[in-house]
Amino acid sequence: MIFQVYNNELTVGSIKVLGVSSSSMLLVGDAQTIQLASAFDTPAESLIIGPFVPLQSEGR
């Protein structure tokens, strides 16, 4: 089998992403390094910051 690869210039005008899953990546072209990042679109009223219950009573 003969396999030939021609690396030519790639121009992407725009990309429209309609949805992503919990683990997804969009790659266009070559990548020598890939860095991980995360973003959340959770509504503010459902975000809980801090412990659910006190860990220890202050009087004891």
PDB file of N, CA and C in Angstrom:
ATOM      1  N   MET A   1       0.853  -1.173   0.000  1.00  0.00           N
ATOM      2  CA  MET A   1       0.000   0.000   0.000  1.00  0.00           C
ATOM      3  C   MET A   1       0.898   1.235   0.000  1.00  0.00           C
ATOM      4  N   ILE A   2       0.580   2.192  -0.818  1.00  0.00           N
ATOM      5  CA  ILE A   2       1.296   3.471  -0.864  1.00  0.00           C
ATOM      6  C   ILE A   2       0.399   4.530  -0.234  1.00  0.00           C
ATOM      7  N   PHE A   3       0.929   5.196   0.787  1.00  0.00           N
ATOM      8  CA  PHE A   3       0.165   6.216   1.515  1.00  0.00           C
ATOM      9  C   PHE A   3       0.924   7.527   1.426  1.00  0.00           C
ATOM     10  N   GLN A   4       0.330   8.529   0.798  1.00  0.00           N
ATOM     11  CA  GLN A   4       0.977   9.830   0.655  1.00  0.00           C
ATOM     12  C   GLN A   4       0.143  10.884   1.365  1.00  0.00           C
ATOM     13  N   VAL A   5       0.825  11.756   2.101  1.00  0.00           N
ATOM     14  CA  VAL A   5       0.163  12.841   2.823  1.00  0.00           C
ATOM     15  C   VAL A   5       0.700  14.156   2.289  1.00  0.00           C
ATOM     16  N   TYR A   6      -0.196  15.058   1.927  1.00  0.00           N
ATOM     17  CA  TYR A   6       0.180  16.390   1.465  1.00  0.00           C
ATOM     18  C   TYR A   6      -0.365  17.398   2.469  1.00  0.00           C
ATOM     19  N   ASN A   7       0.519  18.052   3.191  1.00  0.00           N
ATOM     20  CA  ASN A   7       0.107  19.075   4.150  1.00  0.00           C
ATOM     21  C   ASN A   7       0.041  20.419   3.439  1.00  0.00           C
ATOM     22  N   ASN A   8      -1.139  20.824   3.068  1.00  0.00           N
ATOM     23  CA  ASN A   8      -1.353  22.112   2.424  1.00  0.00           C
ATOM     24  C   ASN A   8      -2.006  23.063   3.411  1.00  0.00           C
ATOM     25  N   GLU A   9      -2.127  24.307   3.022  1.00  0.00           N
ATOM     26  CA  GLU A   9      -2.738  25.314   3.885  1.00  0.00           C
ATOM     27  C   GLU A   9      -4.232  25.043   4.025  1.00  0.00           C
ATOM     28  N   LEU A  10      -4.723  25.220   5.245  1.00  0.00           N
ATOM     29  CA  LEU A  10      -6.140  25.036   5.539  1.00  0.00           C
ATOM     30  C   LEU A  10      -6.685  26.347   6.078  1.00  0.00           C
ATOM     31  N   THR A  11      -7.725  26.854   5.467  1.00  0.00           N
ATOM     32  CA  THR A  11      -8.352  28.092   5.921  1.00  0.00           C
ATOM     33  C   THR A  11      -9.792  27.788   6.310  1.00  0.00           C
ATOM     34  N   VAL A  12     -10.140  28.125   7.550  1.00  0.00           N
ATOM     35  CA  VAL A  12     -11.495  27.912   8.054  1.00  0.00           C
ATOM     36  C   VAL A  12     -12.113  29.279   8.284  1.00  0.00           C
ATOM     37  N   GLY A  13     -13.208  29.565   7.603  1.00  0.00           N
ATOM     38  CA  GLY A  13     -13.866  30.858   7.751  1.00  0.00           C
ATOM     39  C   GLY A  13     -14.574  30.995   9.076  1.00  0.00           C
ATOM     40  N   SER A  14     -15.415  30.044   9.419  1.00  0.00           N
ATOM     41  CA  SER A  14     -16.127  30.074  10.699  1.00  0.00           C
ATOM     42  C   SER A  14     -16.639  28.674  11.010  1.00  0.00           C
ATOM     43  N   ILE A  15     -16.865  28.448  12.294  1.00  0.00           N
ATOM     44  CA  ILE A  15     -17.412  27.179  12.765  1.00  0.00           C
ATOM     45  C   ILE A  15     -18.555  27.505  13.710  1.00  0.00           C
ATOM     46  N   LYS A  16     -19.696  26.874  13.522  1.00  0.00           N
ATOM     47  CA  LYS A  16     -20.837  27.066  14.414  1.00  0.00           C
ATOM     48  C   LYS A  16     -21.068  25.769  15.176  1.00  0.00           C
ATOM     49  N   VAL A  17     -20.920  25.823  16.488  1.00  0.00           N
ATOM     50  CA  VAL A  17     -21.122  24.659  17.342  1.00  0.00           C
ATOM     51  C   VAL A  17     -22.493  24.782  17.986  1.00  0.00           C
ATOM     52  N   LEU A  18     -23.346  23.811  17.770  1.00  0.00           N
ATOM     53  CA  LEU A  18     -24.703  23.859  18.306  1.00  0.00           C
ATOM     54  C   LEU A  18     -24.817  23.212  19.677  1.00  0.00           C
ATOM     55  N   GLY A  19     -23.923  22.309  20.021  1.00  0.00           N
ATOM     56  CA  GLY A  19     -23.984  21.653  21.316  1.00  0.00           C
ATOM     57  C   GLY A  19     -22.744  20.818  21.543  1.00  0.00           C
ATOM     58  N   VAL A  20     -22.457  20.584  22.804  1.00  0.00           N
ATOM     59  CA  VAL A  20     -21.319  19.744  23.165  1.00  0.00           C
ATOM     60  C   VAL A  20     -21.756  18.748  24.227  1.00  0.00           C
ATOM     61  N   SER A  21     -21.018  17.676  24.346  1.00  0.00           N
ATOM     62  CA  SER A  21     -21.301  16.693  25.388  1.00  0.00           C
ATOM     63  C   SER A  21     -20.434  16.996  26.599  1.00  0.00           C
ATOM     64  N   SER A  22     -20.479  16.132  27.595  1.00  0.00           N
ATOM     65  CA  SER A  22     -19.702  16.379  28.810  1.00  0.00           C
ATOM     66  C   SER A  22     -18.209  16.240  28.558  1.00  0.00           C
ATOM     67  N   SER A  23     -17.834  15.560  27.521  1.00  0.00           N
ATOM     68  CA  SER A  23     -16.418  15.415  27.186  1.00  0.00           C
ATOM     69  C   SER A  23     -16.287  15.507  25.677  1.00  0.00           C
ATOM     70  N   SER A  24     -15.874  16.667  25.180  1.00  0.00           N
ATOM     71  CA  SER A  24     -15.789  16.840  23.742  1.00  0.00           C
ATOM     72  C   SER A  24     -14.630  17.760  23.390  1.00  0.00           C
ATOM     73  N   MET A  25     -14.166  17.635  22.160  1.00  0.00           N
ATOM     74  CA  MET A  25     -13.077  18.461  21.674  1.00  0.00           C
ATOM     75  C   MET A  25     -13.299  18.702  20.191  1.00  0.00           C
ATOM     76  N   LEU A  26     -13.060  19.924  19.750  1.00  0.00           N
ATOM     77  CA  LEU A  26     -13.162  20.281  18.344  1.00  0.00           C
ATOM     78  C   LEU A  26     -11.756  20.605  17.865  1.00  0.00           C
ATOM     79  N   LEU A  27     -11.262  19.859  16.908  1.00  0.00           N
ATOM     80  CA  LEU A  27      -9.901  20.027  16.406  1.00  0.00           C
ATOM     81  C   LEU A  27      -9.962  20.276  14.915  1.00  0.00           C
ATOM     82  N   VAL A  28      -9.388  21.394  14.478  1.00  0.00           N
ATOM     83  CA  VAL A  28      -9.310  21.718  13.063  1.00  0.00           C
ATOM     84  C   VAL A  28      -7.835  21.875  12.729  1.00  0.00           C
ATOM     85  N   GLY A  29      -7.340  21.053  11.835  1.00  0.00           N
ATOM     86  CA  GLY A  29      -5.936  21.134  11.454  1.00  0.00           C
ATOM     87  C   GLY A  29      -5.052  20.309  12.371  1.00  0.00           C
ATOM     88  N   ASP A  30      -3.762  20.616  12.355  1.00  0.00           N
ATOM     89  CA  ASP A  30      -2.788  19.891  13.156  1.00  0.00           C
ATOM     90  C   ASP A  30      -2.675  20.507  14.539  1.00  0.00           C
ATOM     91  N   ALA A  31      -2.296  19.687  15.495  1.00  0.00           N
ATOM     92  CA  ALA A  31      -2.084  20.172  16.861  1.00  0.00           C
ATOM     93  C   ALA A  31      -0.828  19.519  17.418  1.00  0.00           C
ATOM     94  N   GLN A  32       0.114  20.347  17.842  1.00  0.00           N
ATOM     95  CA  GLN A  32       1.308  19.806  18.469  1.00  0.00           C
ATOM     96  C   GLN A  32       1.099  19.692  19.972  1.00  0.00           C
ATOM     97  N   THR A  33       0.303  20.597  20.539  1.00  0.00           N
ATOM     98  CA  THR A  33       0.013  20.583  21.970  1.00  0.00           C
ATOM     99  C   THR A  33      -1.477  20.818  22.162  1.00  0.00           C
ATOM    100  N   ILE A  34      -2.106  20.034  23.034  1.00  0.00           N
ATOM    101  CA  ILE A  34      -3.512  20.220  23.380  1.00  0.00           C
ATOM    102  C   ILE A  34      -3.588  20.469  24.875  1.00  0.00           C
ATOM    103  N   GLN A  35      -4.215  21.580  25.283  1.00  0.00           N
ATOM    104  CA  GLN A  35      -4.373  21.913  26.692  1.00  0.00           C
ATOM    105  C   GLN A  35      -5.829  21.726  27.079  1.00  0.00           C
ATOM    106  N   LEU A  36      -6.048  21.225  28.280  1.00  0.00           N
ATOM    107  CA  LEU A  36      -7.402  20.986  28.762  1.00  0.00           C
ATOM    108  C   LEU A  36      -7.970  22.243  29.405  1.00  0.00           C
ATOM    109  N   ALA A  37      -9.260  22.456  29.232  1.00  0.00           N
ATOM    110  CA  ALA A  37      -9.965  23.576  29.854  1.00  0.00           C
ATOM    111  C   ALA A  37     -11.393  23.130  30.118  1.00  0.00           C
ATOM    112  N   SER A  38     -12.061  23.828  31.016  1.00  0.00           N
ATOM    113  CA  SER A  38     -13.453  23.491  31.288  1.00  0.00           C
ATOM    114  C   SER A  38     -14.256  24.764  31.489  1.00  0.00           C
ATOM    115  N   ALA A  39     -15.528  24.683  31.169  1.00  0.00           N
ATOM    116  CA  ALA A  39     -16.449  25.800  31.346  1.00  0.00           C
ATOM    117  C   ALA A  39     -17.796  25.234  31.776  1.00  0.00           C
ATOM    118  N   PHE A  40     -18.482  25.953  32.633  1.00  0.00           N
ATOM    119  CA  PHE A  40     -19.778  25.507  33.134  1.00  0.00           C
ATOM    120  C   PHE A  40     -20.838  26.540  32.773  1.00  0.00           C
ATOM    121  N   ASP A  41     -21.988  26.075  32.387  1.00  0.00           N
ATOM    122  CA  ASP A  41     -23.108  26.975  32.123  1.00  0.00           C
ATOM    123  C   ASP A  41     -24.234  26.698  33.108  1.00  0.00           C
ATOM    124  N   THR A  42     -23.862  26.470  34.372  1.00  0.00           N
ATOM    125  CA  THR A  42     -24.831  26.182  35.422  1.00  0.00           C
ATOM    126  C   THR A  42     -25.489  27.481  35.883  1.00  0.00           C
ATOM    127  N   PRO A  43     -26.804  27.511  36.035  1.00  0.00           N
ATOM    128  CA  PRO A  43     -27.460  28.721  36.545  1.00  0.00           C
ATOM    129  C   PRO A  43     -26.961  29.058  37.952  1.00  0.00           C
ATOM    130  N   ALA A  44     -26.877  30.322  38.268  1.00  0.00           N
ATOM    131  CA  ALA A  44     -26.335  30.767  39.559  1.00  0.00           C
ATOM    132  C   ALA A  44     -27.128  30.216  40.742  1.00  0.00           C
ATOM    133  N   GLU A  45     -28.447  30.072  40.613  1.00  0.00           N
ATOM    134  CA  GLU A  45     -29.263  29.605  41.737  1.00  0.00           C
ATOM    135  C   GLU A  45     -29.031  28.127  42.067  1.00  0.00           C
ATOM    136  N   SER A  46     -28.458  27.362  41.157  1.00  0.00           N
ATOM    137  CA  SER A  46     -28.190  25.955  41.448  1.00  0.00           C
ATOM    138  C   SER A  46     -26.746  25.708  41.884  1.00  0.00           C
ATOM    139  N   LEU A  47     -25.943  26.749  41.955  1.00  0.00           N
ATOM    140  CA  LEU A  47     -24.549  26.619  42.368  1.00  0.00           C
ATOM    141  C   LEU A  47     -24.454  26.730  43.878  1.00  0.00           C
ATOM    142  N   ILE A  48     -23.877  25.718  44.519  1.00  0.00           N
ATOM    143  CA  ILE A  48     -23.728  25.700  45.975  1.00  0.00           C
ATOM    144  C   ILE A  48     -22.251  25.851  46.293  1.00  0.00           C
ATOM    145  N   ILE A  49     -21.922  26.894  47.040  1.00  0.00           N
ATOM    146  CA  ILE A  49     -20.537  27.128  47.436  1.00  0.00           C
ATOM    147  C   ILE A  49     -20.445  26.948  48.940  1.00  0.00           C
ATOM    148  N   GLY A  50     -19.595  26.056  49.394  1.00  0.00           N
ATOM    149  CA  GLY A  50     -19.423  25.807  50.816  1.00  0.00           C
ATOM    150  C   GLY A  50     -19.967  24.448  51.191  1.00  0.00           C
ATOM    151  N   PRO A  51     -19.810  24.070  52.454  1.00  0.00           N
ATOM    152  CA  PRO A  51     -20.288  22.752  52.895  1.00  0.00           C
ATOM    153  C   PRO A  51     -21.811  22.705  52.957  1.00  0.00           C
ATOM    154  N   PHE A  52     -22.358  21.513  52.773  1.00  0.00           N
ATOM    155  CA  PHE A  52     -23.804  21.334  52.853  1.00  0.00           C
ATOM    156  C   PHE A  52     -24.285  21.447  54.299  1.00  0.00           C
ATOM    157  N   VAL A  53     -23.536  20.896  55.232  1.00  0.00           N
ATOM    158  CA  VAL A  53     -23.869  20.959  56.659  1.00  0.00           C
ATOM    159  C   VAL A  53     -22.616  21.400  57.399  1.00  0.00           C
ATOM    160  N   PRO A  54     -22.760  21.998  58.595  1.00  0.00           N
ATOM    161  CA  PRO A  54     -21.564  22.375  59.349  1.00  0.00           C
ATOM    162  C   PRO A  54     -20.727  21.139  59.678  1.00  0.00           C
ATOM    163  N   LEU A  55     -19.423  21.269  59.550  1.00  0.00           N
ATOM    164  CA  LEU A  55     -18.540  20.140  59.828  1.00  0.00           C
ATOM    165  C   LEU A  55     -18.385  19.902  61.323  1.00  0.00           C
ATOM    166  N   GLN A  56     -18.415  20.983  62.119  1.00  0.00           N
ATOM    167  CA  GLN A  56     -18.261  20.848  63.562  1.00  0.00           C
ATOM    168  C   GLN A  56     -18.984  22.014  64.222  1.00  0.00           C
ATOM    169  N   SER A  57     -19.659  21.734  65.330  1.00  0.00           N
ATOM    170  CA  SER A  57     -20.350  22.795  66.056  1.00  0.00           C
ATOM    171  C   SER A  57     -19.327  23.706  66.709  1.00  0.00           C
ATOM    172  N   GLU A  58     -19.635  25.005  66.778  1.00  0.00           N
ATOM    173  CA  GLU A  58     -18.704  25.962  67.371  1.00  0.00           C
ATOM    174  C   GLU A  58     -18.659  25.850  68.888  1.00  0.00           C
ATOM    175  N   GLY A  59     -19.709  25.372  69.540  1.00  0.00           N
ATOM    176  CA  GLY A  59     -19.768  25.297  70.995  1.00  0.00           C
ATOM    177  C   GLY A  59     -19.105  24.068  71.585  1.00  0.00           C
ATOM    178  N   ARG A  60     -18.659  23.132  70.807  1.00  0.00           N
ATOM    179  CA  ARG A  60     -18.116  21.880  71.359  1.00  0.00           C
ATOM    180  C   ARG A  60     -16.637  21.824  71.288  1.00  0.00           C
TER     181      ARG A  60
END
